[in-house]
Amino acid sequence: MDTEHNIKSIVEQLFTSFYNVLFIHCQKYVRNEEVSRDIIQDVFEKMWRDRHNLDFSKPFNSYLFDLSFNKSVDHLRRLKLEKKILGGYDQYIEYGENNRNTILDDLIADSIQSQVDRVLEQLPAINADVFRKSRYDGMSNKEIAKALNLSPRTVETYIHRVLIILKKRLLQ
């Protein structure tokens, strides 16, 4: 028990000592304060989960910076994938709404929307609800998290999962 208390104290000291510098480090990559805070939280949660395998006699600077960099890169990869998956879809729908010149445009847009709706109906309700709030209602991850009593990171995960499923099913 005493060892566990010592480890907790060390992790808390590391958090206090490194929070600001890790925040700046993450901001260089993700350029989003909320995401940077989430990444730092994830870094320290991982450290806590791995606490029994860590060597607390060594400096943690590089461990913390490497972990925050990797999590920042992971976040950017997810964003890139989201944009790739729905970027074309969003552009087409926007084009269709701004330039509804033909019946064919309407039919194609309706067909895509119907396919998306069918996929969303097959998903767990929470995933579909989070996705709709994000994409149709224009809510931020933070707003969705508050409305559904979830963490912003969970919201991001749900959206990411739905995007992967949409990509697989719509591009078949």
C-alpha atoms as a PDB file:
ATOM      1  CA  MET A   1       0.000   0.000   0.000  1.00  0.00           C
ATOM      2  CA  ASP A   2       2.833   2.398   0.859  1.00  0.00           C
ATOM      3  CA  THR A   3       4.501   1.716  -2.510  1.00  0.00           C
ATOM      4  CA  GLU A   4       1.231   2.402  -4.336  1.00  0.00           C
ATOM      5  CA  HIS A   5       0.899   5.700  -2.467  1.00  0.00           C
ATOM      6  CA  ASN A   6       4.489   6.639  -3.414  1.00  0.00           C
ATOM      7  CA  ILE A   7       3.837   5.840  -7.072  1.00  0.00           C
ATOM      8  CA  LYS A   8       0.647   7.922  -7.011  1.00  0.00           C
ATOM      9  CA  SER A   9       2.569  10.803  -5.480  1.00  0.00           C
ATOM     10  CA  ILE A  10       5.284  10.568  -8.155  1.00  0.00           C
ATOM     11  CA  VAL A  11       2.718  10.503 -10.976  1.00  0.00           C
ATOM     12  CA  GLU A  12       0.939  13.525  -9.472  1.00  0.00           C
ATOM     13  CA  GLN A  13       4.259  15.392  -9.225  1.00  0.00           C
ATOM     14  CA  LEU A  14       5.081  14.522 -12.829  1.00  0.00           C
ATOM     15  CA  PHE A  15       1.654  15.725 -13.912  1.00  0.00           C
ATOM     16  CA  THR A  16       2.106  19.028 -12.092  1.00  0.00           C
ATOM     17  CA  SER A  17       5.657  19.483 -13.360  1.00  0.00           C
ATOM     18  CA  PHE A  18       5.082  18.547 -16.979  1.00  0.00           C
ATOM     19  CA  TYR A  19       1.503  19.549 -17.742  1.00  0.00           C
ATOM     20  CA  ASN A  20       2.267  22.990 -19.214  1.00  0.00           C
ATOM     21  CA  VAL A  21       5.250  21.910 -21.279  1.00  0.00           C
ATOM     22  CA  LEU A  22       3.377  18.855 -22.603  1.00  0.00           C
ATOM     23  CA  PHE A  23       0.420  21.071 -23.436  1.00  0.00           C
ATOM     24  CA  ILE A  24       2.666  23.330 -25.545  1.00  0.00           C
ATOM     25  CA  HIS A  25       4.289  20.252 -27.099  1.00  0.00           C
ATOM     26  CA  CYS A  26       0.904  18.817 -28.146  1.00  0.00           C
ATOM     27  CA  GLN A  27      -0.340  22.201 -29.365  1.00  0.00           C
ATOM     28  CA  LYS A  28       2.529  22.320 -31.880  1.00  0.00           C
ATOM     29  CA  TYR A  29       1.028  19.294 -33.585  1.00  0.00           C
ATOM     30  CA  VAL A  30      -2.736  19.230 -33.044  1.00  0.00           C
ATOM     31  CA  ARG A  31      -3.373  22.995 -32.721  1.00  0.00           C
ATOM     32  CA  ASN A  32      -6.441  22.427 -30.568  1.00  0.00           C
ATOM     33  CA  GLU A  33      -6.496  23.173 -26.837  1.00  0.00           C
ATOM     34  CA  GLU A  34      -9.221  20.673 -25.970  1.00  0.00           C
ATOM     35  CA  VAL A  35      -7.534  17.873 -27.901  1.00  0.00           C
ATOM     36  CA  SER A  36      -4.169  18.747 -26.348  1.00  0.00           C
ATOM     37  CA  ARG A  37      -5.675  18.489 -22.877  1.00  0.00           C
ATOM     38  CA  ASP A  38      -7.259  15.133 -23.779  1.00  0.00           C
ATOM     39  CA  ILE A  39      -3.938  13.842 -25.066  1.00  0.00           C
ATOM     40  CA  ILE A  40      -2.135  14.855 -21.890  1.00  0.00           C
ATOM     41  CA  GLN A  41      -4.844  13.156 -19.845  1.00  0.00           C
ATOM     42  CA  ASP A  42      -4.419  10.028 -21.974  1.00  0.00           C
ATOM     43  CA  VAL A  43      -0.641  10.130 -21.461  1.00  0.00           C
ATOM     44  CA  PHE A  44      -0.996  10.175 -17.698  1.00  0.00           C
ATOM     45  CA  GLU A  45      -3.760   7.577 -17.724  1.00  0.00           C
ATOM     46  CA  LYS A  46      -1.453   5.292 -19.698  1.00  0.00           C
ATOM     47  CA  MET A  47       1.359   6.002 -17.275  1.00  0.00           C
ATOM     48  CA  TRP A  48      -0.951   5.090 -14.397  1.00  0.00           C
ATOM     49  CA  ARG A  49      -2.083   1.857 -16.084  1.00  0.00           C
ATOM     50  CA  ASP A  50       1.560   0.907 -16.738  1.00  0.00           C
ATOM     51  CA  ARG A  51       2.805   2.107 -13.362  1.00  0.00           C
ATOM     52  CA  HIS A  52       3.915  -1.342 -12.212  1.00  0.00           C
ATOM     53  CA  ASN A  53       6.183  -1.733 -15.248  1.00  0.00           C
ATOM     54  CA  LEU A  54       7.775   1.721 -15.177  1.00  0.00           C
ATOM     55  CA  ASP A  55      11.247   2.438 -13.851  1.00  0.00           C
ATOM     56  CA  PHE A  56      10.720   5.483 -11.636  1.00  0.00           C
ATOM     57  CA  SER A  57      14.449   5.822 -11.031  1.00  0.00           C
ATOM     58  CA  LYS A  58      14.938   7.119 -14.601  1.00  0.00           C
ATOM     59  CA  PRO A  59      13.937  10.546 -15.921  1.00  0.00           C
ATOM     60  CA  PHE A  60      10.496  10.669 -17.494  1.00  0.00           C
ATOM     61  CA  ASN A  61      11.057  13.598 -19.846  1.00  0.00           C
ATOM     62  CA  SER A  62      11.584  11.558 -22.993  1.00  0.00           C
ATOM     63  CA  TYR A  63       8.914   8.995 -22.041  1.00  0.00           C
ATOM     64  CA  LEU A  64       6.293  11.725 -21.605  1.00  0.00           C
ATOM     65  CA  PHE A  65       7.309  13.638 -24.719  1.00  0.00           C
ATOM     66  CA  ASP A  66       7.434  10.495 -26.861  1.00  0.00           C
ATOM     67  CA  LEU A  67       4.064   9.322 -25.598  1.00  0.00           C
ATOM     68  CA  SER A  68       2.432  12.729 -26.127  1.00  0.00           C
ATOM     69  CA  PHE A  69       3.965  12.962 -29.618  1.00  0.00           C
ATOM     70  CA  ASN A  70       2.686   9.483 -30.535  1.00  0.00           C
ATOM     71  CA  LYS A  71      -0.799  10.262 -29.253  1.00  0.00           C
ATOM     72  CA  SER A  72      -0.780  13.571 -31.175  1.00  0.00           C
ATOM     73  CA  VAL A  73       0.193  11.752 -34.362  1.00  0.00           C
ATOM     74  CA  ASP A  74      -2.521   9.154 -33.744  1.00  0.00           C
ATOM     75  CA  HIS A  75      -5.061  11.958 -33.400  1.00  0.00           C
ATOM     76  CA  LEU A  76      -3.890  13.595 -36.638  1.00  0.00           C
ATOM     77  CA  ARG A  77      -4.101  10.259 -38.462  1.00  0.00           C
ATOM     78  CA  ARG A  78      -7.690   9.800 -37.275  1.00  0.00           C
ATOM     79  CA  LEU A  79      -8.561  13.315 -38.479  1.00  0.00           C
ATOM     80  CA  LYS A  80      -6.972  12.666 -41.850  1.00  0.00           C
ATOM     81  CA  LEU A  81      -8.930   9.428 -42.193  1.00  0.00           C
ATOM     82  CA  GLU A  82     -12.186  11.173 -41.250  1.00  0.00           C
ATOM     83  CA  LYS A  83     -11.592  13.867 -43.843  1.00  0.00           C
ATOM     84  CA  LYS A  84     -10.716  11.281 -46.460  1.00  0.00           C
ATOM     85  CA  ILE A  85     -13.809   9.215 -45.727  1.00  0.00           C
ATOM     86  CA  LEU A  86     -16.376  11.971 -45.536  1.00  0.00           C
ATOM     87  CA  GLY A  87     -14.559  14.746 -47.345  1.00  0.00           C
ATOM     88  CA  GLY A  88     -15.794  13.656 -50.742  1.00  0.00           C
ATOM     89  CA  TYR A  89     -19.262  12.932 -49.364  1.00  0.00           C
ATOM     90  CA  ASP A  90     -19.521  16.354 -47.695  1.00  0.00           C
ATOM     91  CA  GLN A  91     -18.231  18.123 -50.803  1.00  0.00           C
ATOM     92  CA  TYR A  92     -20.709  16.288 -52.997  1.00  0.00           C
ATOM     93  CA  ILE A  93     -23.650  17.046 -50.710  1.00  0.00           C
ATOM     94  CA  GLU A  94     -22.552  20.696 -50.496  1.00  0.00           C
ATOM     95  CA  TYR A  95     -22.234  20.815 -54.272  1.00  0.00           C
ATOM     96  CA  GLY A  96     -25.627  19.206 -54.635  1.00  0.00           C
ATOM     97  CA  GLU A  97     -27.285  21.672 -52.276  1.00  0.00           C
ATOM     98  CA  ASN A  98     -25.687  24.691 -53.949  1.00  0.00           C
ATOM     99  CA  ASN A  99     -26.142  23.536 -57.535  1.00  0.00           C
ATOM    100  CA  ARG A 100     -29.322  21.505 -57.751  1.00  0.00           C
ATOM    101  CA  ASN A 101     -29.578  21.819 -61.508  1.00  0.00           C
ATOM    102  CA  THR A 102     -30.722  18.369 -62.442  1.00  0.00           C
ATOM    103  CA  ILE A 103     -32.942  15.595 -61.232  1.00  0.00           C
ATOM    104  CA  LEU A 104     -29.923  13.298 -61.462  1.00  0.00           C
ATOM    105  CA  ASP A 105     -28.054  15.376 -58.839  1.00  0.00           C
ATOM    106  CA  ASP A 106     -31.045  15.071 -56.514  1.00  0.00           C
ATOM    107  CA  LEU A 107     -31.303  11.330 -57.061  1.00  0.00           C
ATOM    108  CA  ILE A 108     -27.613  10.728 -56.393  1.00  0.00           C
ATOM    109  CA  ALA A 109     -27.613  12.882 -53.233  1.00  0.00           C
ATOM    110  CA  ASP A 110     -30.767  11.144 -51.977  1.00  0.00           C
ATOM    111  CA  SER A 111     -29.272   7.739 -52.745  1.00  0.00           C
ATOM    112  CA  ILE A 112     -26.095   8.500 -50.791  1.00  0.00           C
ATOM    113  CA  GLN A 113     -28.099   9.902 -47.889  1.00  0.00           C
ATOM    114  CA  SER A 114     -30.327   6.800 -47.898  1.00  0.00           C
ATOM    115  CA  GLN A 115     -27.276   4.550 -47.797  1.00  0.00           C
ATOM    116  CA  VAL A 116     -25.809   6.510 -44.895  1.00  0.00           C
ATOM    117  CA  ASP A 117     -29.157   6.381 -43.056  1.00  0.00           C
ATOM    118  CA  ARG A 118     -29.394   2.597 -43.551  1.00  0.00           C
ATOM    119  CA  VAL A 119     -25.888   2.108 -42.186  1.00  0.00           C
ATOM    120  CA  LEU A 120     -26.659   4.334 -39.185  1.00  0.00           C
ATOM    121  CA  GLU A 121     -29.830   2.336 -38.447  1.00  0.00           C
ATOM    122  CA  GLN A 122     -27.761  -0.848 -38.181  1.00  0.00           C
ATOM    123  CA  LEU A 123     -25.336   0.622 -35.654  1.00  0.00           C
ATOM    124  CA  PRO A 124     -25.730   0.758 -31.877  1.00  0.00           C
ATOM    125  CA  ALA A 125     -27.984   3.682 -31.039  1.00  0.00           C
ATOM    126  CA  ILE A 126     -25.288   5.612 -29.152  1.00  0.00           C
ATOM    127  CA  ASN A 127     -22.877   5.484 -32.104  1.00  0.00           C
ATOM    128  CA  ALA A 128     -25.511   6.673 -34.564  1.00  0.00           C
ATOM    129  CA  ASP A 129     -26.728   9.374 -32.162  1.00  0.00           C
ATOM    130  CA  VAL A 130     -23.204  10.737 -31.628  1.00  0.00           C
ATOM    131  CA  PHE A 131     -22.555  10.725 -35.383  1.00  0.00           C
ATOM    132  CA  ARG A 132     -25.832  12.510 -36.188  1.00  0.00           C
ATOM    133  CA  LYS A 133     -25.202  15.157 -33.545  1.00  0.00           C
ATOM    134  CA  SER A 134     -21.725  15.721 -34.972  1.00  0.00           C
ATOM    135  CA  ARG A 135     -22.479  15.678 -38.683  1.00  0.00           C
ATOM    136  CA  TYR A 136     -26.120  16.688 -38.962  1.00  0.00           C
ATOM    137  CA  ASP A 137     -26.594  18.952 -35.946  1.00  0.00           C
ATOM    138  CA  GLY A 138     -23.115  20.516 -36.158  1.00  0.00           C
ATOM    139  CA  MET A 139     -22.357  19.952 -32.490  1.00  0.00           C
ATOM    140  CA  SER A 140     -18.752  19.892 -31.281  1.00  0.00           C
ATOM    141  CA  ASN A 141     -17.355  16.811 -29.563  1.00  0.00           C
ATOM    142  CA  LYS A 142     -17.407  18.715 -26.291  1.00  0.00           C
ATOM    143  CA  GLU A 143     -21.092  19.645 -26.714  1.00  0.00           C
ATOM    144  CA  ILE A 144     -21.999  16.056 -27.594  1.00  0.00           C
ATOM    145  CA  ALA A 145     -20.035  14.743 -24.636  1.00  0.00           C
ATOM    146  CA  LYS A 146     -21.880  17.085 -22.284  1.00  0.00           C
ATOM    147  CA  ALA A 147     -25.290  16.305 -23.791  1.00  0.00           C
ATOM    148  CA  LEU A 148     -24.807  12.535 -23.612  1.00  0.00           C
ATOM    149  CA  ASN A 149     -22.729  12.429 -20.420  1.00  0.00           C
ATOM    150  CA  LEU A 150     -19.676  10.987 -22.214  1.00  0.00           C
ATOM    151  CA  SER A 151     -16.039  12.020 -22.344  1.00  0.00           C
ATOM    152  CA  PRO A 152     -14.958  13.986 -25.428  1.00  0.00           C
ATOM    153  CA  ARG A 153     -12.499  11.186 -26.175  1.00  0.00           C
ATOM    154  CA  THR A 154     -15.346   8.635 -26.203  1.00  0.00           C
ATOM    155  CA  VAL A 155     -17.298  10.857 -28.579  1.00  0.00           C
ATOM    156  CA  GLU A 156     -14.257  11.030 -30.869  1.00  0.00           C
ATOM    157  CA  THR A 157     -13.917   7.242 -30.743  1.00  0.00           C
ATOM    158  CA  TYR A 158     -17.594   6.698 -31.643  1.00  0.00           C
ATOM    159  CA  ILE A 159     -17.354   9.085 -34.586  1.00  0.00           C
ATOM    160  CA  HIS A 160     -14.164   7.416 -35.775  1.00  0.00           C
ATOM    161  CA  ARG A 161     -15.795   3.969 -35.630  1.00  0.00           C
ATOM    162  CA  VAL A 162     -18.839   5.141 -37.587  1.00  0.00           C
ATOM    163  CA  LEU A 163     -16.617   6.721 -40.237  1.00  0.00           C
ATOM    164  CA  ILE A 164     -14.709   3.469 -40.696  1.00  0.00           C
ATOM    165  CA  ILE A 165     -17.963   1.518 -41.040  1.00  0.00           C
ATOM    166  CA  LEU A 166     -19.371   4.071 -43.509  1.00  0.00           C
ATOM    167  CA  LYS A 167     -16.227   3.893 -45.591  1.00  0.00           C
ATOM    168  CA  LYS A 168     -16.368   0.109 -45.751  1.00  0.00           C
ATOM    169  CA  ARG A 169     -20.059  -0.072 -46.583  1.00  0.00           C
ATOM    170  CA  LEU A 170     -20.335   2.891 -48.953  1.00  0.00           C
ATOM    171  CA  LEU A 171     -17.238   2.048 -50.953  1.00  0.00           C
ATOM    172  CA  GLN A 172     -18.156  -1.606 -51.550  1.00  0.00           C
END
